[in-house]
């Protein structure tokens, strides 16, 4: 499953970059993420819980920032193991930041693979859930900067 999108944020690029690189801040923007543990500056673990269609899923997730080019680009690798189910979530994400009309434009690409019961749900359902999560993430990010974050 491929996801591509853009999020404009009314804040300087360096501030947005620093926020996205900060694991606790980033995790606070994603509904269902809790019990975050920072292993080091580029590795973290968390629990991610979500509901897709009629099923509830709980993952142990490992995130590794594989490339950081300040203040332009962050690449990450995400691996998740569902708790209580057989399967796996793997994803790679590339985020590029640029200046645009006094704002920062975040462009992202996510390539995700799901196996097991979650993978059997179907791409249209998963993409709909991902778009809902994207909208909520963008709203929370903009609100954090509007509040002086």
C-alpha atoms as a PDB file:
ATOM      1  CA  UNK A   1       0.000   0.000   0.000  1.00  0.00           C
ATOM      2  CA  UNK A   2       1.403   3.383  -1.030  1.00  0.00           C
ATOM      3  CA  UNK A   3       0.363   6.656   0.571  1.00  0.00           C
ATOM      4  CA  UNK A   4       1.498  10.038  -0.720  1.00  0.00           C
ATOM      5  CA  UNK A   5       0.427  13.435   0.531  1.00  0.00           C
ATOM      6  CA  UNK A   6       1.212  16.975   1.588  1.00  0.00           C
ATOM      7  CA  UNK A   7       0.587  18.898   4.787  1.00  0.00           C
ATOM      8  CA  UNK A   8       1.118  22.680   4.912  1.00  0.00           C
ATOM      9  CA  UNK A   9       2.076  24.025   8.350  1.00  0.00           C
ATOM     10  CA  UNK A  10       2.225  27.713   9.290  1.00  0.00           C
ATOM     11  CA  UNK A  11       5.628  27.530  10.966  1.00  0.00           C
ATOM     12  CA  UNK A  12       9.306  27.828  10.015  1.00  0.00           C
ATOM     13  CA  UNK A  13      10.852  24.748   8.406  1.00  0.00           C
ATOM     14  CA  UNK A  14      13.527  24.332  11.108  1.00  0.00           C
ATOM     15  CA  UNK A  15      10.847  24.273  13.838  1.00  0.00           C
ATOM     16  CA  UNK A  16       8.687  21.760  11.957  1.00  0.00           C
ATOM     17  CA  UNK A  17      11.722  19.567  11.277  1.00  0.00           C
ATOM     18  CA  UNK A  18      12.735  19.601  14.956  1.00  0.00           C
ATOM     19  CA  UNK A  19       9.185  18.697  15.991  1.00  0.00           C
ATOM     20  CA  UNK A  20       8.887  15.795  13.539  1.00  0.00           C
ATOM     21  CA  UNK A  21      12.266  14.451  14.648  1.00  0.00           C
ATOM     22  CA  UNK A  22      11.158  14.495  18.303  1.00  0.00           C
ATOM     23  CA  UNK A  23       9.690  11.047  19.032  1.00  0.00           C
ATOM     24  CA  UNK A  24       7.462  12.042  22.014  1.00  0.00           C
ATOM     25  CA  UNK A  25       6.021  15.001  20.095  1.00  0.00           C
ATOM     26  CA  UNK A  26       5.457  12.942  16.946  1.00  0.00           C
ATOM     27  CA  UNK A  27       3.814  10.142  18.954  1.00  0.00           C
ATOM     28  CA  UNK A  28       1.480  12.671  20.607  1.00  0.00           C
ATOM     29  CA  UNK A  29       0.072  13.479  17.157  1.00  0.00           C
ATOM     30  CA  UNK A  30      -0.886   9.880  16.310  1.00  0.00           C
ATOM     31  CA  UNK A  31      -4.030   8.583  17.971  1.00  0.00           C
ATOM     32  CA  UNK A  32      -3.537   5.233  19.651  1.00  0.00           C
ATOM     33  CA  UNK A  33       0.212   5.525  20.301  1.00  0.00           C
ATOM     34  CA  UNK A  34       1.261   5.082  23.922  1.00  0.00           C
ATOM     35  CA  UNK A  35       4.022   3.634  26.116  1.00  0.00           C
ATOM     36  CA  UNK A  36       6.726   5.300  23.998  1.00  0.00           C
ATOM     37  CA  UNK A  37      10.289   4.378  24.912  1.00  0.00           C
ATOM     38  CA  UNK A  38      13.172   6.246  23.299  1.00  0.00           C
ATOM     39  CA  UNK A  39      16.053   3.809  22.882  1.00  0.00           C
ATOM     40  CA  UNK A  40      18.405   6.461  21.480  1.00  0.00           C
ATOM     41  CA  UNK A  41      18.195   9.570  19.285  1.00  0.00           C
ATOM     42  CA  UNK A  42      17.050   7.603  16.219  1.00  0.00           C
ATOM     43  CA  UNK A  43      15.286   4.518  17.637  1.00  0.00           C
ATOM     44  CA  UNK A  44      12.079   4.191  19.635  1.00  0.00           C
ATOM     45  CA  UNK A  45       9.431   1.652  20.559  1.00  0.00           C
ATOM     46  CA  UNK A  46       5.756   2.114  21.346  1.00  0.00           C
ATOM     47  CA  UNK A  47       2.397   0.414  21.474  1.00  0.00           C
ATOM     48  CA  UNK A  48      -0.044   1.394  18.725  1.00  0.00           C
ATOM     49  CA  UNK A  49      -3.729   0.531  19.046  1.00  0.00           C
ATOM     50  CA  UNK A  50      -6.341   1.130  16.376  1.00  0.00           C
ATOM     51  CA  UNK A  51      -9.689  -0.064  15.126  1.00  0.00           C
ATOM     52  CA  UNK A  52     -10.105  -0.940  11.469  1.00  0.00           C
ATOM     53  CA  UNK A  53     -13.553  -1.877  10.240  1.00  0.00           C
ATOM     54  CA  UNK A  54     -14.957  -4.110  12.970  1.00  0.00           C
ATOM     55  CA  UNK A  55     -11.598  -5.280  14.361  1.00  0.00           C
ATOM     56  CA  UNK A  56      -9.327  -3.824  17.036  1.00  0.00           C
ATOM     57  CA  UNK A  57      -5.553  -4.183  16.607  1.00  0.00           C
ATOM     58  CA  UNK A  58      -2.691  -3.662  19.020  1.00  0.00           C
ATOM     59  CA  UNK A  59       0.907  -3.530  17.772  1.00  0.00           C
ATOM     60  CA  UNK A  60       4.324  -3.366  19.345  1.00  0.00           C
ATOM     61  CA  UNK A  61       6.072  -0.938  16.996  1.00  0.00           C
ATOM     62  CA  UNK A  62       9.786  -0.257  16.460  1.00  0.00           C
ATOM     63  CA  UNK A  63      10.781   2.927  14.640  1.00  0.00           C
ATOM     64  CA  UNK A  64      14.248   3.639  13.270  1.00  0.00           C
ATOM     65  CA  UNK A  65      15.085   6.953  11.644  1.00  0.00           C
ATOM     66  CA  UNK A  66      17.353   5.744   8.860  1.00  0.00           C
ATOM     67  CA  UNK A  67      18.214   9.126   7.343  1.00  0.00           C
ATOM     68  CA  UNK A  68      18.108  12.622   8.786  1.00  0.00           C
ATOM     69  CA  UNK A  69      19.123  15.545   6.593  1.00  0.00           C
ATOM     70  CA  UNK A  70      18.337  18.679   8.594  1.00  0.00           C
ATOM     71  CA  UNK A  71      16.126  20.651   7.845  1.00  0.00           C
ATOM     72  CA  UNK A  72      14.977  18.947   4.646  1.00  0.00           C
ATOM     73  CA  UNK A  73      14.354  15.231   4.978  1.00  0.00           C
ATOM     74  CA  UNK A  74      13.658  12.390   7.405  1.00  0.00           C
ATOM     75  CA  UNK A  75      13.405   8.755   6.410  1.00  0.00           C
ATOM     76  CA  UNK A  76      12.211   6.073   8.791  1.00  0.00           C
ATOM     77  CA  UNK A  77      11.630   2.339   8.909  1.00  0.00           C
ATOM     78  CA  UNK A  78       8.697   1.050  10.961  1.00  0.00           C
ATOM     79  CA  UNK A  79       8.148  -2.546  12.002  1.00  0.00           C
ATOM     80  CA  UNK A  80       5.170  -3.684  13.988  1.00  0.00           C
ATOM     81  CA  UNK A  81       4.122  -6.995  15.425  1.00  0.00           C
ATOM     82  CA  UNK A  82       0.448  -7.407  16.286  1.00  0.00           C
ATOM     83  CA  UNK A  83      -0.098  -8.511  19.863  1.00  0.00           C
ATOM     84  CA  UNK A  84      -2.353 -11.547  20.035  1.00  0.00           C
ATOM     85  CA  UNK A  85      -2.379 -12.162  16.270  1.00  0.00           C
ATOM     86  CA  UNK A  86      -0.075 -13.587  13.656  1.00  0.00           C
ATOM     87  CA  UNK A  87       1.120 -11.067  11.122  1.00  0.00           C
ATOM     88  CA  UNK A  88       3.413  -8.128  10.605  1.00  0.00           C
ATOM     89  CA  UNK A  89       3.410  -4.469   9.647  1.00  0.00           C
ATOM     90  CA  UNK A  90       6.424  -3.032   7.843  1.00  0.00           C
ATOM     91  CA  UNK A  91       6.652   0.437   6.416  1.00  0.00           C
ATOM     92  CA  UNK A  92       9.157   2.899   5.103  1.00  0.00           C
ATOM     93  CA  UNK A  93       8.418   6.600   5.231  1.00  0.00           C
ATOM     94  CA  UNK A  94      10.119   9.539   3.568  1.00  0.00           C
ATOM     95  CA  UNK A  95       9.269  13.060   4.667  1.00  0.00           C
ATOM     96  CA  UNK A  96      10.546  16.098   2.786  1.00  0.00           C
ATOM     97  CA  UNK A  97      10.146  19.650   4.022  1.00  0.00           C
ATOM     98  CA  UNK A  98      10.282  22.803   1.929  1.00  0.00           C
ATOM     99  CA  UNK A  99       9.462  26.492   2.305  1.00  0.00           C
ATOM    100  CA  UNK A 100       6.265  27.577   0.569  1.00  0.00           C
ATOM    101  CA  UNK A 101       4.689  31.044   0.819  1.00  0.00           C
ATOM    102  CA  UNK A 102       5.682  31.640   4.439  1.00  0.00           C
ATOM    103  CA  UNK A 103       4.769  28.112   5.500  1.00  0.00           C
ATOM    104  CA  UNK A 104       6.458  24.754   5.616  1.00  0.00           C
ATOM    105  CA  UNK A 105       5.195  22.158   3.176  1.00  0.00           C
ATOM    106  CA  UNK A 106       5.578  18.583   4.374  1.00  0.00           C
ATOM    107  CA  UNK A 107       5.556  16.046   1.528  1.00  0.00           C
ATOM    108  CA  UNK A 108       5.460  12.420   2.547  1.00  0.00           C
ATOM    109  CA  UNK A 109       5.550   8.981   0.953  1.00  0.00           C
ATOM    110  CA  UNK A 110       4.743   5.832   2.889  1.00  0.00           C
ATOM    111  CA  UNK A 111       5.111   2.311   1.570  1.00  0.00           C
ATOM    112  CA  UNK A 112       3.405  -0.145   3.940  1.00  0.00           C
ATOM    113  CA  UNK A 113       3.021  -3.903   3.855  1.00  0.00           C
ATOM    114  CA  UNK A 114       0.617  -5.787   6.098  1.00  0.00           C
ATOM    115  CA  UNK A 115       0.457  -9.533   6.518  1.00  0.00           C
ATOM    116  CA  UNK A 116      -1.761 -11.873   8.492  1.00  0.00           C
ATOM    117  CA  UNK A 117      -5.311 -10.984   9.497  1.00  0.00           C
ATOM    118  CA  UNK A 118      -4.731  -7.249   9.023  1.00  0.00           C
ATOM    119  CA  UNK A 119      -3.477  -7.807   5.478  1.00  0.00           C
ATOM    120  CA  UNK A 120      -6.646  -9.709   4.631  1.00  0.00           C
ATOM    121  CA  UNK A 121      -8.897  -6.714   5.339  1.00  0.00           C
ATOM    122  CA  UNK A 122      -8.269  -5.195   1.933  1.00  0.00           C
ATOM    123  CA  UNK A 123      -6.443  -2.159   0.643  1.00  0.00           C
ATOM    124  CA  UNK A 124      -9.496   0.145   0.194  1.00  0.00           C
ATOM    125  CA  UNK A 125     -10.441  -0.256   3.882  1.00  0.00           C
ATOM    126  CA  UNK A 126      -6.838   0.226   5.015  1.00  0.00           C
ATOM    127  CA  UNK A 127      -6.357   3.297   2.804  1.00  0.00           C
ATOM    128  CA  UNK A 128      -9.555   4.840   4.176  1.00  0.00           C
ATOM    129  CA  UNK A 129      -8.254   4.337   7.723  1.00  0.00           C
ATOM    130  CA  UNK A 130      -4.858   5.772   6.751  1.00  0.00           C
ATOM    131  CA  UNK A 131      -6.499   8.882   5.245  1.00  0.00           C
ATOM    132  CA  UNK A 132      -8.530   9.406   8.430  1.00  0.00           C
ATOM    133  CA  UNK A 133      -5.343   9.115  10.488  1.00  0.00           C
ATOM    134  CA  UNK A 134      -3.529  11.520   8.131  1.00  0.00           C
ATOM    135  CA  UNK A 135      -6.258  14.145   8.517  1.00  0.00           C
ATOM    136  CA  UNK A 136      -6.186  13.863  12.307  1.00  0.00           C
ATOM    137  CA  UNK A 137      -2.360  13.987  12.384  1.00  0.00           C
ATOM    138  CA  UNK A 138      -2.342  17.133  10.212  1.00  0.00           C
ATOM    139  CA  UNK A 139      -4.973  18.827  12.397  1.00  0.00           C
ATOM    140  CA  UNK A 140      -3.039  18.059  15.576  1.00  0.00           C
ATOM    141  CA  UNK A 141       0.252  19.209  14.038  1.00  0.00           C
ATOM    142  CA  UNK A 142      -1.237  22.522  12.871  1.00  0.00           C
ATOM    143  CA  UNK A 143      -2.915  23.030  16.265  1.00  0.00           C
ATOM    144  CA  UNK A 144       0.379  22.422  18.091  1.00  0.00           C
ATOM    145  CA  UNK A 145       2.091  25.152  16.054  1.00  0.00           C
ATOM    146  CA  UNK A 146      -0.887  27.509  16.321  1.00  0.00           C
ATOM    147  CA  UNK A 147      -0.595  27.143  20.115  1.00  0.00           C
ATOM    148  CA  UNK A 148       3.082  28.069  19.955  1.00  0.00           C
ATOM    149  CA  UNK A 149       4.438  24.499  19.669  1.00  0.00           C
END
